[in-house]
Protein backbone atom coordinates (compact mmCIF):
# COMPACT_ATOMS: atom_id res chain seq x y z
CA MET A 1 32.69 9.74 -23.21
CA PRO A 2 32.23 10.30 -19.44
CA THR A 3 35.38 10.19 -17.36
CA SER A 4 33.77 8.24 -14.51
CA PHE A 5 30.71 6.09 -13.94
CA LEU A 6 29.52 3.03 -12.03
CA TYR A 7 28.16 -0.10 -13.69
CA VAL A 8 27.20 -3.26 -11.80
CA ALA A 9 26.39 -6.35 -13.86
CA GLN A 10 23.52 -8.51 -12.60
CA PRO A 11 24.50 -12.18 -12.09
CA THR A 12 21.78 -13.83 -14.17
CA ARG A 13 22.28 -16.77 -16.53
CA VAL A 14 20.35 -16.23 -19.79
CA LEU A 15 19.39 -18.85 -22.38
CA PHE A 16 17.91 -17.31 -25.53
CA GLY A 17 16.50 -19.05 -28.58
CA VAL A 18 13.66 -21.07 -30.03
CA GLY A 19 13.42 -24.41 -28.25
CA THR A 20 15.31 -23.41 -25.10
CA LEU A 21 12.28 -24.40 -23.02
CA SER A 22 13.49 -27.99 -23.40
CA GLN A 23 16.49 -27.14 -21.20
CA VAL A 24 14.48 -26.35 -18.05
CA GLY A 25 15.33 -29.66 -16.40
CA GLN A 26 19.04 -29.21 -16.99
CA GLU A 27 18.91 -25.68 -15.59
CA LEU A 28 17.10 -26.87 -12.47
CA GLU A 29 19.82 -29.44 -11.90
CA ARG A 30 22.44 -26.73 -12.39
CA LEU A 31 20.69 -24.79 -9.60
CA GLY A 32 20.65 -27.89 -7.40
CA ALA A 33 16.84 -27.90 -7.34
CA ARG A 34 14.87 -31.08 -6.68
CA ARG A 35 11.33 -29.74 -6.07
CA ALA A 36 10.50 -26.78 -8.29
CA LEU A 37 7.11 -25.11 -7.88
CA VAL A 38 5.72 -23.80 -11.19
CA LEU A 39 4.02 -20.42 -10.73
CA CYS A 40 1.54 -18.95 -13.20
CA THR A 41 -1.68 -16.98 -13.54
CA PRO A 42 -5.00 -18.86 -13.69
CA ASN A 43 -5.08 -18.33 -17.46
CA GLN A 44 -1.77 -20.15 -17.92
CA ALA A 45 -2.53 -23.16 -15.72
CA GLU A 46 -2.68 -25.49 -18.71
CA ASP A 47 0.79 -24.47 -19.93
CA ALA A 48 2.16 -24.73 -16.40
CA THR A 49 0.70 -28.20 -15.98
CA ARG A 50 2.36 -29.37 -19.20
CA LEU A 51 5.70 -28.04 -17.99
CA SER A 52 5.24 -29.62 -14.57
CA ASP A 53 4.38 -32.97 -16.12
CA ALA A 54 7.44 -32.80 -18.38
CA LEU A 55 9.68 -32.18 -15.36
CA GLY A 56 8.40 -35.28 -13.58
CA PRO A 57 9.94 -35.73 -10.12
CA LEU A 58 11.72 -32.37 -10.37
CA SER A 59 8.33 -30.63 -10.06
CA ALA A 60 6.51 -29.84 -6.83
CA GLY A 61 3.35 -29.08 -8.83
CA ILE A 62 1.85 -25.80 -10.00
CA TYR A 63 0.52 -22.74 -8.20
CA PRO A 64 -1.82 -20.78 -10.52
CA GLY A 65 -2.39 -17.88 -8.13
CA ALA A 66 -0.41 -15.00 -9.65
CA VAL A 67 -2.40 -11.77 -9.97
CA MET A 68 -1.62 -8.25 -11.12
CA HIS A 69 0.33 -5.89 -8.82
CA VAL A 70 1.06 -8.71 -6.28
CA PRO A 71 -1.33 -7.98 -3.38
CA VAL A 72 0.28 -8.90 -0.06
CA GLU A 73 -2.54 -11.35 0.65
CA SER A 74 -1.80 -13.38 -2.49
CA ALA A 75 1.92 -13.28 -1.71
CA ARG A 76 1.35 -14.70 1.78
CA ALA A 77 -0.83 -17.49 0.42
CA ALA A 78 1.84 -18.41 -2.15
CA ILE A 79 4.61 -18.39 0.47
CA ALA A 80 2.56 -20.74 2.65
CA HIS A 81 1.91 -23.08 -0.28
CA ALA A 82 5.60 -23.21 -1.24
CA GLN A 83 6.44 -24.21 2.32
CA GLU A 84 3.69 -26.85 2.41
CA VAL A 85 4.92 -28.64 -0.72
CA GLY A 86 8.59 -28.37 0.26
CA ALA A 87 9.61 -26.33 -2.78
CA ASP A 88 13.32 -25.57 -3.11
CA CYS A 89 13.00 -23.47 -6.29
CA MET A 90 10.35 -21.58 -8.24
CA ILE A 91 9.70 -21.54 -11.96
CA ALA A 92 7.93 -18.30 -12.93
CA LEU A 93 6.13 -19.08 -16.20
CA GLY A 94 4.40 -16.01 -17.60
CA GLY A 95 4.65 -12.24 -17.43
CA GLY A 96 5.31 -9.60 -14.81
CA SER A 97 2.56 -10.75 -12.44
CA THR A 98 3.99 -14.26 -12.21
CA THR A 99 7.58 -13.07 -11.91
CA GLY A 100 6.43 -10.62 -9.24
CA LEU A 101 4.84 -13.42 -7.23
CA GLY A 102 8.05 -15.42 -7.47
CA LYS A 103 9.97 -12.42 -6.19
CA ALA A 104 7.60 -12.04 -3.23
CA ILE A 105 8.26 -15.66 -2.26
CA ALA A 106 12.02 -15.27 -2.77
CA LEU A 107 12.12 -12.13 -0.66
CA THR A 108 10.89 -14.09 2.35
CA SER A 109 12.30 -17.55 1.71
CA GLY A 110 15.46 -16.94 -0.31
CA LEU A 111 14.39 -19.65 -2.78
CA PRO A 112 15.93 -19.27 -6.27
CA ILE A 113 13.80 -18.32 -9.27
CA LEU A 114 14.03 -19.70 -12.78
CA ALA A 115 12.03 -17.32 -14.97
CA ILE A 116 10.42 -18.23 -18.29
CA PRO A 117 8.89 -15.02 -19.71
CA THR A 118 5.93 -15.26 -22.08
CA THR A 119 5.50 -11.47 -22.37
CA TYR A 120 7.88 -8.52 -22.81
CA ALA A 121 7.60 -7.26 -19.22
CA GLY A 122 11.34 -7.43 -18.48
CA SER A 123 10.97 -7.81 -14.70
CA GLU A 124 12.81 -11.13 -14.89
CA MET A 125 16.04 -9.16 -15.37
CA THR A 126 15.69 -6.96 -12.31
CA PRO A 127 16.21 -7.19 -8.54
CA ILE A 128 13.13 -4.96 -8.16
CA TYR A 129 10.03 -6.25 -6.40
CA GLY A 130 6.64 -4.67 -5.81
CA LEU A 131 3.85 -5.42 -3.34
CA THR A 132 0.46 -3.77 -3.06
CA ASP A 133 -0.89 -3.26 0.45
CA ALA A 134 -4.02 -1.29 1.36
CA GLY A 135 -4.20 0.27 -2.08
CA LEU A 136 -0.56 1.44 -2.20
CA LYS A 137 2.11 -0.24 -4.30
CA LYS A 138 5.52 -0.26 -2.68
CA THR A 139 8.68 -1.21 -4.51
CA GLY A 140 12.16 -2.12 -3.40
CA ARG A 141 15.41 -3.71 -4.53
CA ASP A 142 16.91 -6.88 -3.11
CA PRO A 143 19.41 -9.25 -4.75
CA ARG A 144 17.46 -12.25 -3.40
CA VAL A 145 14.60 -11.63 -5.85
CA LEU A 146 16.72 -11.54 -9.02
CA PRO A 147 16.05 -14.74 -11.00
CA ARG A 148 19.13 -16.97 -11.17
CA THR A 149 18.30 -18.21 -14.66
CA VAL A 150 16.09 -16.78 -17.41
CA ILE A 151 14.97 -18.85 -20.39
CA TYR A 152 13.85 -16.78 -23.37
CA ASP A 153 12.08 -18.95 -25.92
CA PRO A 154 10.44 -16.77 -28.61
CA ALA A 155 8.05 -19.60 -29.46
CA LEU A 156 6.37 -19.13 -26.07
CA THR A 157 5.33 -15.58 -26.99
CA VAL A 158 3.53 -16.53 -30.20
CA GLY A 159 0.33 -17.09 -28.23
CA LEU A 160 0.50 -13.63 -26.65
CA PRO A 161 -2.46 -11.72 -28.12
CA VAL A 162 -1.47 -8.98 -30.54
CA ALA A 163 -3.00 -6.21 -28.42
CA LEU A 164 -1.07 -7.32 -25.35
CA SER A 165 2.08 -7.83 -27.42
CA VAL A 166 1.94 -4.15 -28.40
CA THR A 167 1.34 -2.81 -24.89
CA SER A 168 3.82 -5.23 -23.34
CA GLY A 169 6.44 -4.06 -25.82
CA LEU A 170 5.75 -0.41 -25.01
CA ASN A 171 6.00 -1.25 -21.31
CA ALA A 172 9.48 -2.62 -22.02
CA ILE A 173 10.43 0.50 -23.99
CA ALA A 174 9.48 2.57 -20.93
CA HIS A 175 12.17 0.81 -18.89
CA ALA A 176 14.86 1.77 -21.36
CA ALA A 177 13.55 5.27 -22.03
CA GLU A 178 13.75 6.20 -18.36
CA GLY A 179 17.10 4.44 -18.07
CA LEU A 180 18.56 6.90 -20.56
CA TYR A 181 18.03 9.83 -18.18
CA ALA A 182 18.32 7.99 -14.85
CA GLU A 183 20.31 9.66 -12.11
CA ASP A 184 22.83 6.81 -12.25
CA ALA A 185 22.77 6.22 -16.02
CA ASN A 186 26.03 5.04 -17.55
CA PRO A 187 27.36 4.36 -21.07
CA VAL A 188 26.81 0.59 -20.83
CA THR A 189 23.14 0.73 -19.89
CA SER A 190 22.56 3.55 -22.37
CA LEU A 191 23.84 1.35 -25.20
CA MET A 192 21.51 -1.43 -24.03
CA ALA A 193 18.62 1.02 -23.77
CA GLU A 194 18.97 2.39 -27.28
CA GLU A 195 19.40 -1.08 -28.80
CA GLY A 196 16.44 -2.42 -26.81
CA ILE A 197 14.17 0.40 -28.00
CA ARG A 198 15.35 -0.12 -31.58
CA ALA A 199 14.60 -3.85 -31.46
CA LEU A 200 11.11 -3.32 -30.04
CA ALA A 201 10.26 -0.43 -32.36
CA SER A 202 11.18 -2.74 -35.25
CA GLY A 203 9.53 -5.86 -33.84
CA ILE A 204 6.17 -4.48 -32.68
CA PRO A 205 4.89 -3.50 -36.16
CA ARG A 206 5.96 -6.88 -37.56
CA VAL A 207 4.23 -8.80 -34.77
CA PHE A 208 1.14 -6.64 -35.38
CA ALA A 209 1.21 -7.58 -39.07
CA ALA A 210 2.12 -11.27 -38.61
CA PRO A 211 1.61 -12.54 -35.03
CA THR A 212 3.28 -15.90 -35.69
CA ASP A 213 6.46 -14.40 -37.20
CA LEU A 214 9.14 -15.96 -34.99
CA ASP A 215 11.82 -13.52 -36.13
CA ALA A 216 9.63 -10.58 -35.11
CA ARG A 217 8.81 -12.26 -31.80
CA ALA A 218 12.50 -12.89 -31.21
CA ASP A 219 13.33 -9.23 -31.85
CA CYS A 220 10.71 -8.14 -29.32
CA LEU A 221 11.93 -10.62 -26.72
CA TYR A 222 15.54 -9.56 -27.32
CA GLY A 223 14.52 -5.93 -26.88
CA ALA A 224 12.59 -6.76 -23.72
CA TRP A 225 15.63 -8.52 -22.30
CA LEU A 226 17.82 -5.47 -22.90
CA CYS A 227 15.23 -3.03 -21.58
CA GLY A 228 14.68 -5.16 -18.48
CA THR A 229 18.43 -5.28 -17.88
CA VAL A 230 18.49 -1.47 -17.99
CA LEU A 231 15.64 -1.26 -15.49
CA GLY A 232 17.49 -3.59 -13.15
CA SER A 233 20.73 -1.62 -13.37
CA VAL A 234 19.69 2.02 -12.85
CA GLY A 235 17.06 3.97 -10.97
CA MET A 236 13.48 4.76 -11.97
CA ALA A 237 11.94 8.19 -12.41
CA LEU A 238 8.60 9.93 -12.92
CA HIS A 239 7.07 7.55 -15.44
CA HIS A 240 7.43 4.49 -13.21
CA LYS A 241 6.22 6.38 -10.15
CA LEU A 242 3.04 7.40 -11.96
CA CYS A 243 2.44 3.87 -13.28
CA HIS A 244 3.03 2.32 -9.86
CA THR A 245 0.52 4.78 -8.43
CA LEU A 246 -2.11 4.17 -11.10
CA GLY A 247 -1.69 0.41 -10.97
CA GLY A 248 -1.40 -0.11 -7.24
CA SER A 249 -3.97 2.43 -6.07
CA PHE A 250 -6.50 2.27 -8.92
CA ASN A 251 -5.91 -1.29 -10.17
CA LEU A 252 -5.30 -0.26 -13.78
CA PRO A 253 -3.78 -2.91 -16.07
CA HIS A 254 0.00 -2.78 -15.95
CA ALA A 255 1.19 -2.73 -19.58
CA GLU A 256 -1.73 -0.63 -20.79
CA THR A 257 -1.01 1.98 -18.12
CA HIS A 258 2.63 2.24 -19.17
CA THR A 259 1.51 2.63 -22.78
CA ALA A 260 -0.86 5.51 -22.03
CA VAL A 261 1.46 7.37 -19.64
CA LEU A 262 4.83 6.97 -21.39
CA PRO A 263 4.49 9.66 -24.12
CA HIS A 264 3.38 12.23 -21.55
CA ALA A 265 6.15 11.41 -19.08
CA MET A 266 8.63 11.80 -21.94
CA ALA A 267 7.10 15.16 -22.89
CA TYR A 268 7.31 16.31 -19.26
CA ASN A 269 11.04 15.52 -19.16
CA ALA A 270 11.94 16.47 -22.74
CA LEU A 271 13.69 19.79 -22.08
CA ALA A 272 15.49 18.43 -19.01
CA ALA A 273 16.89 15.39 -20.84
CA PRO A 274 17.57 16.35 -24.48
CA ASP A 275 20.29 13.75 -25.08
CA ALA A 276 18.03 10.93 -23.89
CA MET A 277 15.21 12.16 -26.10
CA ALA A 278 17.51 12.30 -29.11
CA ARG A 279 18.57 8.68 -28.53
CA ILE A 280 14.96 7.52 -28.15
CA ARG A 281 13.96 9.33 -31.33
CA ARG A 282 16.93 7.84 -33.21
CA ALA A 283 16.16 4.32 -31.98
CA MET A 284 12.56 4.67 -33.13
CA GLY A 285 13.36 6.22 -36.48
CA GLY A 286 11.17 9.19 -35.61
CA GLU A 287 12.51 11.79 -37.99
CA GLY A 288 11.07 15.28 -37.61
CA ILE A 289 8.98 14.56 -34.50
CA SER A 290 9.64 14.43 -30.77
CA ALA A 291 10.43 11.26 -28.84
CA ALA A 292 7.10 11.66 -27.05
CA ALA A 293 5.16 11.88 -30.32
CA ALA A 294 7.04 8.91 -31.78
CA LEU A 295 6.07 6.78 -28.77
CA TYR A 296 2.45 7.91 -28.98
CA ASP A 297 2.30 7.16 -32.69
CA LEU A 298 3.78 3.67 -32.22
CA ALA A 299 0.98 2.88 -29.77
CA ALA A 300 -1.82 4.52 -31.77
CA ARG A 301 -0.84 2.98 -35.12
CA HIS A 302 -1.01 -0.49 -33.64
CA GLY A 303 -4.32 -0.32 -31.87
CA ALA A 304 -3.22 0.33 -28.30
CA ALA A 305 -5.36 2.45 -25.99
CA THR A 306 -3.66 5.82 -25.56
CA ALA A 307 -6.09 7.25 -22.98
CA LEU A 308 -6.28 6.29 -19.32
CA ARG A 309 -10.05 6.73 -19.42
CA ASP A 310 -10.23 3.84 -21.89
CA ILE A 311 -8.53 1.41 -19.47
CA GLY A 312 -10.58 2.12 -16.37
CA MET A 313 -9.32 5.41 -14.89
CA LYS A 314 -11.99 7.78 -13.56
CA ALA A 315 -11.75 11.53 -13.97
CA GLU A 316 -12.62 12.11 -10.31
CA ASP A 317 -9.55 10.08 -9.25
CA LEU A 318 -6.96 12.18 -11.09
CA ASP A 319 -6.42 14.63 -8.22
CA ARG A 320 -5.87 11.80 -5.75
CA ALA A 321 -3.46 10.10 -8.17
CA ALA A 322 -1.42 13.30 -8.39
CA ASP A 323 -1.34 13.59 -4.60
CA ILE A 324 -0.19 9.98 -4.14
CA ALA A 325 2.51 10.33 -6.80
CA LEU A 326 3.84 13.50 -5.17
CA ALA A 327 3.79 12.10 -1.64
CA ASN A 328 6.96 10.05 -2.17
CA PRO A 329 8.38 10.93 -5.61
CA TYR A 330 11.25 9.17 -7.35
CA TRP A 331 14.25 11.19 -8.54
CA ASN A 332 13.51 12.88 -11.86
CA PRO A 333 15.57 15.12 -14.20
CA ARG A 334 12.85 17.80 -14.11
CA PRO A 335 11.56 18.91 -10.71
CA ILE A 336 8.28 17.29 -9.66
CA GLU A 337 5.59 19.96 -9.34
CA ARG A 338 1.92 19.35 -8.69
CA ALA A 339 0.34 21.57 -11.35
CA PRO A 340 2.39 20.17 -14.29
CA ILE A 341 1.95 16.61 -12.98
CA ARG A 342 -1.80 17.13 -12.80
CA GLU A 343 -1.72 18.44 -16.38
CA LEU A 344 0.29 15.39 -17.43
CA LEU A 345 -2.31 13.06 -15.90
CA GLN A 346 -5.12 14.97 -17.59
CA ALA A 347 -3.43 14.66 -20.98
CA ALA A 348 -2.86 10.94 -20.42
CA PHE A 349 -6.47 10.55 -19.29
CA GLU A 350 -7.73 12.14 -22.49
CA GLY A 351 -5.14 10.47 -24.75
CA VAL A 352 -3.92 13.71 -26.29
CA ARG A 353 -0.96 13.36 -28.68
CA PRO A 354 2.05 15.26 -27.24
CA ASP A 355 3.50 17.97 -29.45
């Protein structure tokens, strides 16, 4: 047990359980909101419209303009729309892209966010925002962007396609895995991290086998909540830097990128963070293999792409990706060196199983 550490709890109200979506109106009133703008991606406009209609006069309509990696242009358009309709609150219905758009609006306006996740992204539990400008994704932390209320209704994730459920779950595991060896890791977040990984490692195979299994969906959402809380409480390291680079500069899909990179980032840091790797392996039930191999196998067994080349990365861009990642690196337990990072990217590009 460490003799000293710092832990700061995030002030978010969480409602968890099947049917909690019905409490959105009450939660808006608790926030003092009278004109809530429902944010979503174009694909979720129908769900957002149903929610907006159910809210009646509490809704300021929907804005179906959320896109991946939050380009600054889309953020500016959303901010202008929120001002035009007189919104005093935002409801982020969807995954990380929608929550990210809400955060971009909150960063400028200070409007509160009520998040309703339909994926396992976990960003709803963090004060971290990201904006992509001129091909570079920049991240920051600001308490204004932390959602005030999060409603986790497992029934809303039943429609999440199985393939995306798997990669979204592995994206969430990445938050907790890096949290275990973060520079400011502490016993509280480490407990959350290990439990979150355990819940997702148990839930993902069951969702894969039976996509409408509400218990399995609930386990994955519970794990995502814990993993997101870890991400919001401690710093990020190499894995997230690489994924921010690949997503922001090369427009690779978010969850799929995390899935392909995660085993290789874990292998890179394995010798520098043995305790973290032991906890990851224990949470995943990976007896006799490394944490990196256990993560790779979880993805491969359930149909996820394990190679960056299969999700749109080009071989000729790997050198530039390494240069961008090294230009402003995050803290990492193992020193960041170009040659090993380039080897890591090559292995992730090819989808090689880590030893």
